[in-house]
């Protein structure tokens, strides 16, 4: 069985996407953070250093939790896209559950 299928965080991101409680892509993610809609930001581990730094700084400034997790291929696949370097969860309940799981993994 593929790792992506057994990954609870990626599965939950898929649920968020189907519930339309998630935005993905650099522009949409940044917009969600700036407008206060983002409750959580996840950046792919293989995203560029500039992208990671951009979101870590933005999230710190706007006080949004930010995690580096998985890779672009897995993040994109989990939400039904090709590749995604960044995504923002726009639902408080989904975000708090994901934050718990991501914190447990660290």
PDB file of N, CA and C in Angstrom:
ATOM      1  N   UNK A   1       0.835  -1.192   0.000  1.00  0.00           N
ATOM      2  CA  UNK A   1       0.000   0.000   0.000  1.00  0.00           C
ATOM      3  C   UNK A   1       0.876   1.250   0.000  1.00  0.00           C
ATOM      4  N   UNK A   2       0.484   2.245  -0.772  1.00  0.00           N
ATOM      5  CA  UNK A   2       1.267   3.472  -0.857  1.00  0.00           C
ATOM      6  C   UNK A   2       1.247   4.229   0.463  1.00  0.00           C
ATOM      7  N   UNK A   3       2.357   4.911   0.739  1.00  0.00           N
ATOM      8  CA  UNK A   3       2.458   5.721   1.956  1.00  0.00           C
ATOM      9  C   UNK A   3       1.372   6.801   1.992  1.00  0.00           C
ATOM     10  N   UNK A   4       1.120   7.445   0.849  1.00  0.00           N
ATOM     11  CA  UNK A   4       0.154   8.551   0.791  1.00  0.00           C
ATOM     12  C   UNK A   4      -1.242   8.104   1.234  1.00  0.00           C
ATOM     13  N   UNK A   5      -1.596   6.857   0.943  1.00  0.00           N
ATOM     14  CA  UNK A   5      -2.927   6.387   1.297  1.00  0.00           C
ATOM     15  C   UNK A   5      -3.082   6.175   2.796  1.00  0.00           C
ATOM     16  N   UNK A   6      -1.969   5.881   3.468  1.00  0.00           N
ATOM     17  CA  UNK A   6      -2.051   5.609   4.900  1.00  0.00           C
ATOM     18  C   UNK A   6      -1.766   6.843   5.747  1.00  0.00           C
ATOM     19  N   UNK A   7      -1.407   7.931   5.107  1.00  0.00           N
ATOM     20  CA  UNK A   7      -1.049   9.150   5.827  1.00  0.00           C
ATOM     21  C   UNK A   7      -2.321   9.901   6.260  1.00  0.00           C
ATOM     22  N   UNK A   8      -2.532   9.975   7.576  1.00  0.00           N
ATOM     23  CA  UNK A   8      -3.757  10.595   8.105  1.00  0.00           C
ATOM     24  C   UNK A   8      -3.841  12.093   7.796  1.00  0.00           C
ATOM     25  N   UNK A   9      -2.713  12.778   7.817  1.00  0.00           N
ATOM     26  CA  UNK A   9      -2.710  14.215   7.528  1.00  0.00           C
ATOM     27  C   UNK A   9      -3.137  14.453   6.080  1.00  0.00           C
ATOM     28  N   UNK A  10      -2.556  13.674   5.149  1.00  0.00           N
ATOM     29  CA  UNK A  10      -2.907  13.842   3.742  1.00  0.00           C
ATOM     30  C   UNK A  10      -4.367  13.459   3.495  1.00  0.00           C
ATOM     31  N   UNK A  11      -4.844  12.435   4.177  1.00  0.00           N
ATOM     32  CA  UNK A  11      -6.249  12.029   4.042  1.00  0.00           C
ATOM     33  C   UNK A  11      -7.167  13.158   4.491  1.00  0.00           C
ATOM     34  N   UNK A  12      -6.780  13.774   5.598  1.00  0.00           N
ATOM     35  CA  UNK A  12      -7.597  14.856   6.135  1.00  0.00           C
ATOM     36  C   UNK A  12      -7.586  16.075   5.200  1.00  0.00           C
ATOM     37  N   UNK A  13      -6.451  16.317   4.553  1.00  0.00           N
ATOM     38  CA  UNK A  13      -6.376  17.407   3.585  1.00  0.00           C
ATOM     39  C   UNK A  13      -7.326  17.137   2.418  1.00  0.00           C
ATOM     40  N   UNK A  14      -7.440  15.869   2.039  1.00  0.00           N
ATOM     41  CA  UNK A  14      -8.377  15.481   0.985  1.00  0.00           C
ATOM     42  C   UNK A  14      -9.807  15.789   1.392  1.00  0.00           C
ATOM     43  N   UNK A  15     -10.140  15.512   2.650  1.00  0.00           N
ATOM     44  CA  UNK A  15     -11.474  15.834   3.167  1.00  0.00           C
ATOM     45  C   UNK A  15     -11.718  17.342   3.127  1.00  0.00           C
ATOM     46  N   UNK A  16     -10.720  18.101   3.556  1.00  0.00           N
ATOM     47  CA  UNK A  16     -10.821  19.565   3.531  1.00  0.00           C
ATOM     48  C   UNK A  16     -11.103  20.051   2.110  1.00  0.00           C
ATOM     49  N   UNK A  17     -10.380  19.489   1.155  1.00  0.00           N
ATOM     50  CA  UNK A  17     -10.537  19.912  -0.238  1.00  0.00           C
ATOM     51  C   UNK A  17     -11.948  19.597  -0.728  1.00  0.00           C
ATOM     52  N   UNK A  18     -12.446  18.409  -0.409  1.00  0.00           N
ATOM     53  CA  UNK A  18     -13.797  18.040  -0.849  1.00  0.00           C
ATOM     54  C   UNK A  18     -14.867  18.894  -0.169  1.00  0.00           C
ATOM     55  N   UNK A  19     -14.569  19.351   1.044  1.00  0.00           N
ATOM     56  CA  UNK A  19     -15.512  20.214   1.777  1.00  0.00           C
ATOM     57  C   UNK A  19     -15.338  21.691   1.388  1.00  0.00           C
ATOM     58  N   UNK A  20     -14.404  21.938   0.466  1.00  0.00           N
ATOM     59  CA  UNK A  20     -14.084  23.307   0.027  1.00  0.00           C
ATOM     60  C   UNK A  20     -13.643  24.206   1.189  1.00  0.00           C
ATOM     61  N   UNK A  21     -12.845  23.635   2.070  1.00  0.00           N
ATOM     62  CA  UNK A  21     -12.325  24.375   3.230  1.00  0.00           C
ATOM     63  C   UNK A  21     -10.812  24.540   3.114  1.00  0.00           C
ATOM     64  N   UNK A  22     -10.332  24.605   1.873  1.00  0.00           N
ATOM     65  CA  UNK A  22      -8.904  24.644   1.643  1.00  0.00           C
ATOM     66  C   UNK A  22      -8.627  25.408   0.349  1.00  0.00           C
ATOM     67  N   UNK A  23      -7.564  26.199   0.357  1.00  0.00           N
ATOM     68  CA  UNK A  23      -7.101  26.837  -0.876  1.00  0.00           C
ATOM     69  C   UNK A  23      -5.667  26.392  -1.116  1.00  0.00           C
ATOM     70  N   UNK A  24      -5.282  26.279  -2.383  1.00  0.00           N
ATOM     71  CA  UNK A  24      -3.930  25.816  -2.663  1.00  0.00           C
ATOM     72  C   UNK A  24      -3.281  26.683  -3.728  1.00  0.00           C
ATOM     73  N   UNK A  25      -1.975  26.586  -3.792  1.00  0.00           N
ATOM     74  CA  UNK A  25      -1.207  27.417  -4.709  1.00  0.00           C
ATOM     75  C   UNK A  25      -0.692  28.640  -3.967  1.00  0.00           C
ATOM     76  N   UNK A  26       0.436  29.135  -4.422  1.00  0.00           N
ATOM     77  CA  UNK A  26       1.111  30.217  -3.703  1.00  0.00           C
ATOM     78  C   UNK A  26       0.247  31.470  -3.565  1.00  0.00           C
ATOM     79  N   UNK A  27      -0.369  31.894  -4.674  1.00  0.00           N
ATOM     80  CA  UNK A  27      -1.149  33.134  -4.662  1.00  0.00           C
ATOM     81  C   UNK A  27      -2.359  33.022  -3.721  1.00  0.00           C
ATOM     82  N   UNK A  28      -3.129  31.938  -3.862  1.00  0.00           N
ATOM     83  CA  UNK A  28      -4.335  31.753  -3.039  1.00  0.00           C
ATOM     84  C   UNK A  28      -3.993  31.588  -1.565  1.00  0.00           C
ATOM     85  N   UNK A  29      -2.922  30.865  -1.290  1.00  0.00           N
ATOM     86  CA  UNK A  29      -2.505  30.649   0.095  1.00  0.00           C
ATOM     87  C   UNK A  29      -2.105  31.975   0.738  1.00  0.00           C
ATOM     88  N   UNK A  30      -1.310  32.757   0.015  1.00  0.00           N
ATOM     89  CA  UNK A  30      -0.861  34.054   0.531  1.00  0.00           C
ATOM     90  C   UNK A  30      -2.049  34.976   0.768  1.00  0.00           C
ATOM     91  N   UNK A  31      -3.013  34.974  -0.157  1.00  0.00           N
ATOM     92  CA  UNK A  31      -4.206  35.806  -0.033  1.00  0.00           C
ATOM     93  C   UNK A  31      -5.022  35.398   1.205  1.00  0.00           C
ATOM     94  N   UNK A  32      -5.155  34.092   1.427  1.00  0.00           N
ATOM     95  CA  UNK A  32      -5.912  33.590   2.588  1.00  0.00           C
ATOM     96  C   UNK A  32      -5.255  34.029   3.898  1.00  0.00           C
ATOM     97  N   UNK A  33      -3.926  34.009   3.932  1.00  0.00           N
ATOM     98  CA  UNK A  33      -3.200  34.435   5.137  1.00  0.00           C
ATOM     99  C   UNK A  33      -3.422  35.935   5.369  1.00  0.00           C
ATOM    100  N   UNK A  34      -3.258  36.729   4.318  1.00  0.00           N
ATOM    101  CA  UNK A  34      -3.383  38.188   4.438  1.00  0.00           C
ATOM    102  C   UNK A  34      -4.797  38.637   4.818  1.00  0.00           C
ATOM    103  N   UNK A  35      -5.806  37.918   4.324  1.00  0.00           N
ATOM    104  CA  UNK A  35      -7.191  38.319   4.595  1.00  0.00           C
ATOM    105  C   UNK A  35      -7.748  37.696   5.874  1.00  0.00           C
ATOM    106  N   UNK A  36      -6.917  36.905   6.568  1.00  0.00           N
ATOM    107  CA  UNK A  36      -7.347  36.333   7.838  1.00  0.00           C
ATOM    108  C   UNK A  36      -8.235  35.103   7.690  1.00  0.00           C
ATOM    109  N   UNK A  37      -8.300  34.530   6.501  1.00  0.00           N
ATOM    110  CA  UNK A  37      -9.132  33.342   6.275  1.00  0.00           C
ATOM    111  C   UNK A  37      -8.397  32.048   6.612  1.00  0.00           C
ATOM    112  N   UNK A  38      -7.071  32.088   6.607  1.00  0.00           N
ATOM    113  CA  UNK A  38      -6.277  30.874   6.833  1.00  0.00           C
ATOM    114  C   UNK A  38      -6.132  30.573   8.327  1.00  0.00           C
ATOM    115  N   UNK A  39      -6.407  29.330   8.697  1.00  0.00           N
ATOM    116  CA  UNK A  39      -6.214  28.878  10.077  1.00  0.00           C
ATOM    117  C   UNK A  39      -4.940  28.063  10.205  1.00  0.00           C
ATOM    118  N   UNK A  40      -4.446  27.588   9.061  1.00  0.00           N
ATOM    119  CA  UNK A  40      -3.249  26.753   9.036  1.00  0.00           C
ATOM    120  C   UNK A  40      -2.655  26.802   7.640  1.00  0.00           C
ATOM    121  N   UNK A  41      -1.323  26.860   7.554  1.00  0.00           N
ATOM    122  CA  UNK A  41      -0.645  26.814   6.261  1.00  0.00           C
ATOM    123  C   UNK A  41       0.301  25.625   6.268  1.00  0.00           C
ATOM    124  N   UNK A  42       0.290  24.871   5.175  1.00  0.00           N
ATOM    125  CA  UNK A  42       1.222  23.751   5.025  1.00  0.00           C
ATOM    126  C   UNK A  42       2.027  23.995   3.757  1.00  0.00           C
ATOM    127  N   UNK A  43       3.354  23.922   3.896  1.00  0.00           N
ATOM    128  CA  UNK A  43       4.260  24.117   2.767  1.00  0.00           C
ATOM    129  C   UNK A  43       4.997  22.800   2.535  1.00  0.00           C
ATOM    130  N   UNK A  44       5.132  22.400   1.293  1.00  0.00           N
ATOM    131  CA  UNK A  44       5.816  21.150   0.962  1.00  0.00           C
ATOM    132  C   UNK A  44       7.290  21.229   1.337  1.00  0.00           C
ATOM    133  N   UNK A  45       7.827  20.122   1.811  1.00  0.00           N
ATOM    134  CA  UNK A  45       9.233  20.060   2.206  1.00  0.00           C
ATOM    135  C   UNK A  45      10.175  20.299   1.047  1.00  0.00           C
ATOM    136  N   UNK A  46       9.747  19.942  -0.183  1.00  0.00           N
ATOM    137  CA  UNK A  46      10.610  20.140  -1.347  1.00  0.00           C
ATOM    138  C   UNK A  46      10.303  21.438  -2.108  1.00  0.00           C
ATOM    139  N   UNK A  47       9.542  22.327  -1.463  1.00  0.00           N
ATOM    140  CA  UNK A  47       9.301  23.650  -2.058  1.00  0.00           C
ATOM    141  C   UNK A  47      10.609  24.443  -1.989  1.00  0.00           C
ATOM    142  N   UNK A  48      10.717  25.482  -2.783  1.00  0.00           N
ATOM    143  CA  UNK A  48      11.958  26.270  -2.795  1.00  0.00           C
ATOM    144  C   UNK A  48      12.162  26.951  -1.439  1.00  0.00           C
ATOM    145  N   UNK A  49      13.421  27.242  -1.143  1.00  0.00           N
ATOM    146  CA  UNK A  49      13.739  27.919   0.120  1.00  0.00           C
ATOM    147  C   UNK A  49      13.026  29.261   0.209  1.00  0.00           C
ATOM    148  N   UNK A  50      12.914  29.961  -0.936  1.00  0.00           N
ATOM    149  CA  UNK A  50      12.216  31.249  -0.953  1.00  0.00           C
ATOM    150  C   UNK A  50      10.757  31.089  -0.559  1.00  0.00           C
ATOM    151  N   UNK A  51      10.108  30.050  -1.084  1.00  0.00           N
ATOM    152  CA  UNK A  51       8.696  29.803  -0.777  1.00  0.00           C
ATOM    153  C   UNK A  51       8.527  29.502   0.706  1.00  0.00           C
ATOM    154  N   UNK A  52       9.387  28.643   1.245  1.00  0.00           N
ATOM    155  CA  UNK A  52       9.311  28.301   2.675  1.00  0.00           C
ATOM    156  C   UNK A  52       9.484  29.548   3.528  1.00  0.00           C
ATOM    157  N   UNK A  53      10.506  30.343   3.183  1.00  0.00           N
ATOM    158  CA  UNK A  53      10.787  31.556   3.958  1.00  0.00           C
ATOM    159  C   UNK A  53       9.618  32.546   3.862  1.00  0.00           C
ATOM    160  N   UNK A  54       9.086  32.722   2.653  1.00  0.00           N
ATOM    161  CA  UNK A  54       7.963  33.630   2.440  1.00  0.00           C
ATOM    162  C   UNK A  54       6.803  33.271   3.366  1.00  0.00           C
ATOM    163  N   UNK A  55       6.406  32.005   3.368  1.00  0.00           N
ATOM    164  CA  UNK A  55       5.251  31.611   4.162  1.00  0.00           C
ATOM    165  C   UNK A  55       5.542  31.588   5.663  1.00  0.00           C
ATOM    166  N   UNK A  56       6.764  31.199   6.038  1.00  0.00           N
ATOM    167  CA  UNK A  56       7.097  31.224   7.463  1.00  0.00           C
ATOM    168  C   UNK A  56       7.042  32.657   7.986  1.00  0.00           C
ATOM    169  N   UNK A  57       7.572  33.604   7.228  1.00  0.00           N
ATOM    170  CA  UNK A  57       7.552  35.010   7.641  1.00  0.00           C
ATOM    171  C   UNK A  57       6.131  35.576   7.662  1.00  0.00           C
ATOM    172  N   UNK A  58       5.366  35.315   6.585  1.00  0.00           N
ATOM    173  CA  UNK A  58       3.975  35.796   6.505  1.00  0.00           C
ATOM    174  C   UNK A  58       3.150  35.237   7.657  1.00  0.00           C
ATOM    175  N   UNK A  59       3.289  33.920   7.887  1.00  0.00           N
ATOM    176  CA  UNK A  59       2.494  33.270   8.931  1.00  0.00           C
ATOM    177  C   UNK A  59       2.877  33.776  10.313  1.00  0.00           C
ATOM    178  N   UNK A  60       4.154  34.030  10.512  1.00  0.00           N
ATOM    179  CA  UNK A  60       4.598  34.570  11.792  1.00  0.00           C
ATOM    180  C   UNK A  60       3.984  35.956  12.015  1.00  0.00           C
ATOM    181  N   UNK A  61       4.010  36.771  10.976  1.00  0.00           N
ATOM    182  CA  UNK A  61       3.474  38.127  11.066  1.00  0.00           C
ATOM    183  C   UNK A  61       1.965  38.117  11.319  1.00  0.00           C
ATOM    184  N   UNK A  62       1.233  37.256  10.588  1.00  0.00           N
ATOM    185  CA  UNK A  62      -0.229  37.210  10.724  1.00  0.00           C
ATOM    186  C   UNK A  62      -0.701  36.206  11.784  1.00  0.00           C
ATOM    187  N   UNK A  63       0.253  35.624  12.491  1.00  0.00           N
ATOM    188  CA  UNK A  63      -0.026  34.668  13.576  1.00  0.00           C
ATOM    189  C   UNK A  63      -0.873  33.483  13.118  1.00  0.00           C
ATOM    190  N   UNK A  64      -0.429  32.862  12.028  1.00  0.00           N
ATOM    191  CA  UNK A  64      -1.076  31.657  11.498  1.00  0.00           C
ATOM    192  C   UNK A  64      -0.068  30.513  11.636  1.00  0.00           C
ATOM    193  N   UNK A  65      -0.476  29.364  12.193  1.00  0.00           N
ATOM    194  CA  UNK A  65       0.454  28.238  12.296  1.00  0.00           C
ATOM    195  C   UNK A  65       0.919  27.795  10.904  1.00  0.00           C
ATOM    196  N   UNK A  66       2.207  27.514  10.780  1.00  0.00           N
ATOM    197  CA  UNK A  66       2.770  27.102   9.496  1.00  0.00           C
ATOM    198  C   UNK A  66       3.612  25.851   9.702  1.00  0.00           C
ATOM    199  N   UNK A  67       3.381  24.834   8.891  1.00  0.00           N
ATOM    200  CA  UNK A  67       4.141  23.598   8.990  1.00  0.00           C
ATOM    201  C   UNK A  67       4.760  23.251   7.647  1.00  0.00           C
ATOM    202  N   UNK A  68       5.994  22.714   7.699  1.00  0.00           N
ATOM    203  CA  UNK A  68       6.634  22.153   6.510  1.00  0.00           C
ATOM    204  C   UNK A  68       6.313  20.667   6.579  1.00  0.00           C
ATOM    205  N   UNK A  69       5.655  20.150   5.536  1.00  0.00           N
ATOM    206  CA  UNK A  69       5.205  18.764   5.606  1.00  0.00           C
ATOM    207  C   UNK A  69       5.148  18.117   4.227  1.00  0.00           C
ATOM    208  N   UNK A  70       5.540  16.864   4.142  1.00  0.00           N
ATOM    209  CA  UNK A  70       5.426  16.028   2.958  1.00  0.00           C
ATOM    210  C   UNK A  70       6.173  16.631   1.761  1.00  0.00           C
ATOM    211  N   UNK A  71       5.702  16.364   0.556  1.00  0.00           N
ATOM    212  CA  UNK A  71       6.316  16.910  -0.652  1.00  0.00           C
ATOM    213  C   UNK A  71       5.233  17.409  -1.602  1.00  0.00           C
ATOM    214  N   UNK A  72       5.651  18.149  -2.623  1.00  0.00           N
ATOM    215  CA  UNK A  72       4.694  18.782  -3.541  1.00  0.00           C
ATOM    216  C   UNK A  72       3.777  17.756  -4.198  1.00  0.00           C
ATOM    217  N   UNK A  73       4.354  16.631  -4.614  1.00  0.00           N
ATOM    218  CA  UNK A  73       3.589  15.593  -5.300  1.00  0.00           C
ATOM    219  C   UNK A  73       2.485  15.044  -4.384  1.00  0.00           C
ATOM    220  N   UNK A  74       2.846  14.687  -3.151  1.00  0.00           N
ATOM    221  CA  UNK A  74       1.877  14.106  -2.210  1.00  0.00           C
ATOM    222  C   UNK A  74       0.808  15.112  -1.799  1.00  0.00           C
ATOM    223  N   UNK A  75       1.222  16.362  -1.542  1.00  0.00           N
ATOM    224  CA  UNK A  75       0.249  17.399  -1.173  1.00  0.00           C
ATOM    225  C   UNK A  75      -0.758  17.609  -2.298  1.00  0.00           C
ATOM    226  N   UNK A  76      -0.259  17.723  -3.516  1.00  0.00           N
ATOM    227  CA  UNK A  76      -1.139  17.926  -4.659  1.00  0.00           C
ATOM    228  C   UNK A  76      -2.065  16.746  -4.863  1.00  0.00           C
ATOM    229  N   UNK A  77      -1.496  15.549  -4.804  1.00  0.00           N
ATOM    230  CA  UNK A  77      -2.286  14.330  -5.028  1.00  0.00           C
ATOM    231  C   UNK A  77      -3.390  14.184  -3.980  1.00  0.00           C
ATOM    232  N   UNK A  78      -3.089  14.529  -2.735  1.00  0.00           N
ATOM    233  CA  UNK A  78      -4.073  14.376  -1.652  1.00  0.00           C
ATOM    234  C   UNK A  78      -5.299  15.262  -1.839  1.00  0.00           C
ATOM    235  N   UNK A  79      -5.128  16.377  -2.548  1.00  0.00           N
ATOM    236  CA  UNK A  79      -6.272  17.276  -2.761  1.00  0.00           C
ATOM    237  C   UNK A  79      -6.783  17.232  -4.204  1.00  0.00           C
ATOM    238  N   UNK A  80      -6.307  16.258  -4.964  1.00  0.00           N
ATOM    239  CA  UNK A  80      -6.815  16.054  -6.314  1.00  0.00           C
ATOM    240  C   UNK A  80      -6.184  16.927  -7.379  1.00  0.00           C
ATOM    241  N   UNK A  81      -4.963  17.373  -7.162  1.00  0.00           N
ATOM    242  CA  UNK A  81      -4.241  18.177  -8.147  1.00  0.00           C
ATOM    243  C   UNK A  81      -2.917  17.504  -8.486  1.00  0.00           C
ATOM    244  N   UNK A  82      -2.174  18.112  -9.417  1.00  0.00           N
ATOM    245  CA  UNK A  82      -0.875  17.571  -9.770  1.00  0.00           C
ATOM    246  C   UNK A  82       0.125  17.783  -8.633  1.00  0.00           C
ATOM    247  N   UNK A  83       0.657  19.005  -8.551  1.00  0.00           N
ATOM    248  CA  UNK A  83       1.639  19.319  -7.515  1.00  0.00           C
ATOM    249  C   UNK A  83       1.236  20.626  -6.838  1.00  0.00           C
ATOM    250  N   UNK A  84       1.415  20.685  -5.540  1.00  0.00           N
ATOM    251  CA  UNK A  84       1.126  21.908  -4.798  1.00  0.00           C
ATOM    252  C   UNK A  84       2.245  22.146  -3.789  1.00  0.00           C
ATOM    253  N   UNK A  85       2.829  23.349  -3.822  1.00  0.00           N
ATOM    254  CA  UNK A  85       3.909  23.680  -2.889  1.00  0.00           C
ATOM    255  C   UNK A  85       3.347  24.225  -1.585  1.00  0.00           C
ATOM    256  N   UNK A  86       2.132  24.803  -1.647  1.00  0.00           N
ATOM    257  CA  UNK A  86       1.561  25.390  -0.430  1.00  0.00           C
ATOM    258  C   UNK A  86       0.049  25.303  -0.460  1.00  0.00           C
ATOM    259  N   UNK A  87      -0.522  25.208   0.741  1.00  0.00           N
ATOM    260  CA  UNK A  87      -1.976  25.242   0.857  1.00  0.00           C
ATOM    261  C   UNK A  87      -2.370  25.798   2.213  1.00  0.00           C
ATOM    262  N   UNK A  88      -3.571  26.353   2.266  1.00  0.00           N
ATOM    263  CA  UNK A  88      -4.079  26.948   3.503  1.00  0.00           C
ATOM    264  C   UNK A  88      -5.431  26.324   3.825  1.00  0.00           C
ATOM    265  N   UNK A  89      -5.599  25.929   5.091  1.00  0.00           N
ATOM    266  CA  UNK A  89      -6.873  25.390   5.562  1.00  0.00           C
ATOM    267  C   UNK A  89      -7.707  26.567   6.066  1.00  0.00           C
ATOM    268  N   UNK A  90      -8.938  26.693   5.567  1.00  0.00           N
ATOM    269  CA  UNK A  90      -9.761  27.862   5.893  1.00  0.00           C
ATOM    270  C   UNK A  90     -10.886  27.530   6.874  1.00  0.00           C
ATOM    271  N   UNK A  91     -10.808  26.360   7.504  1.00  0.00           N
ATOM    272  CA  UNK A  91     -11.817  25.975   8.486  1.00  0.00           C
ATOM    273  C   UNK A  91     -11.134  25.732   9.832  1.00  0.00           C
ATOM    274  N   UNK A  92     -11.653  26.348  10.880  1.00  0.00           N
ATOM    275  CA  UNK A  92     -11.006  26.282  12.190  1.00  0.00           C
ATOM    276  C   UNK A  92     -10.953  24.859  12.746  1.00  0.00           C
ATOM    277  N   UNK A  93     -12.035  24.098  12.579  1.00  0.00           N
ATOM    278  CA  UNK A  93     -12.068  22.743  13.138  1.00  0.00           C
ATOM    279  C   UNK A  93     -11.110  21.798  12.427  1.00  0.00           C
ATOM    280  N   UNK A  94     -11.100  21.839  11.090  1.00  0.00           N
ATOM    281  CA  UNK A  94     -10.148  21.025  10.330  1.00  0.00           C
ATOM    282  C   UNK A  94      -8.726  21.402  10.728  1.00  0.00           C
ATOM    283  N   UNK A  95      -8.478  22.712  10.809  1.00  0.00           N
ATOM    284  CA  UNK A  95      -7.135  23.201  11.117  1.00  0.00           C
ATOM    285  C   UNK A  95      -6.674  22.729  12.488  1.00  0.00           C
ATOM    286  N   UNK A  96      -7.536  22.808  13.501  1.00  0.00           N
ATOM    287  CA  UNK A  96      -7.099  22.414  14.848  1.00  0.00           C
ATOM    288  C   UNK A  96      -6.795  20.921  14.907  1.00  0.00           C
ATOM    289  N   UNK A  97      -7.559  20.101  14.193  1.00  0.00           N
ATOM    290  CA  UNK A  97      -7.292  18.654  14.155  1.00  0.00           C
ATOM    291  C   UNK A  97      -5.978  18.366  13.419  1.00  0.00           C
ATOM    292  N   UNK A  98      -5.757  19.062  12.313  1.00  0.00           N
ATOM    293  CA  UNK A  98      -4.515  18.885  11.559  1.00  0.00           C
ATOM    294  C   UNK A  98      -3.300  19.346  12.365  1.00  0.00           C
ATOM    295  N   UNK A  99      -3.454  20.450  13.089  1.00  0.00           N
ATOM    296  CA  UNK A  99      -2.350  20.960  13.910  1.00  0.00           C
ATOM    297  C   UNK A  99      -1.971  19.918  14.970  1.00  0.00           C
ATOM    298  N   UNK A 100      -2.988  19.299  15.589  1.00  0.00           N
ATOM    299  CA  UNK A 100      -2.716  18.242  16.581  1.00  0.00           C
ATOM    300  C   UNK A 100      -1.895  17.126  15.958  1.00  0.00           C
ATOM    301  N   UNK A 101      -2.331  16.666  14.801  1.00  0.00           N
ATOM    302  CA  UNK A 101      -1.630  15.548  14.130  1.00  0.00           C
ATOM    303  C   UNK A 101      -0.234  15.930  13.678  1.00  0.00           C
ATOM    304  N   UNK A 102      -0.091  17.130  13.136  1.00  0.00           N
ATOM    305  CA  UNK A 102       1.228  17.583  12.687  1.00  0.00           C
ATOM    306  C   UNK A 102       2.185  17.776  13.866  1.00  0.00           C
ATOM    307  N   UNK A 103       1.676  18.246  14.987  1.00  0.00           N
ATOM    308  CA  UNK A 103       2.507  18.441  16.178  1.00  0.00           C
ATOM    309  C   UNK A 103       2.957  17.085  16.729  1.00  0.00           C
ATOM    310  N   UNK A 104       2.071  16.098  16.700  1.00  0.00           N
ATOM    311  CA  UNK A 104       2.425  14.744  17.155  1.00  0.00           C
ATOM    312  C   UNK A 104       3.559  14.148  16.335  1.00  0.00           C
ATOM    313  N   UNK A 105       3.619  14.501  15.056  1.00  0.00           N
ATOM    314  CA  UNK A 105       4.641  13.948  14.152  1.00  0.00           C
ATOM    315  C   UNK A 105       6.028  14.558  14.370  1.00  0.00           C
ATOM    316  N   UNK A 106       6.089  15.736  14.984  1.00  0.00           N
ATOM    317  CA  UNK A 106       7.383  16.423  15.144  1.00  0.00           C
ATOM    318  C   UNK A 106       8.172  15.868  16.303  1.00  0.00           C
TER     319      UNK A 106
END
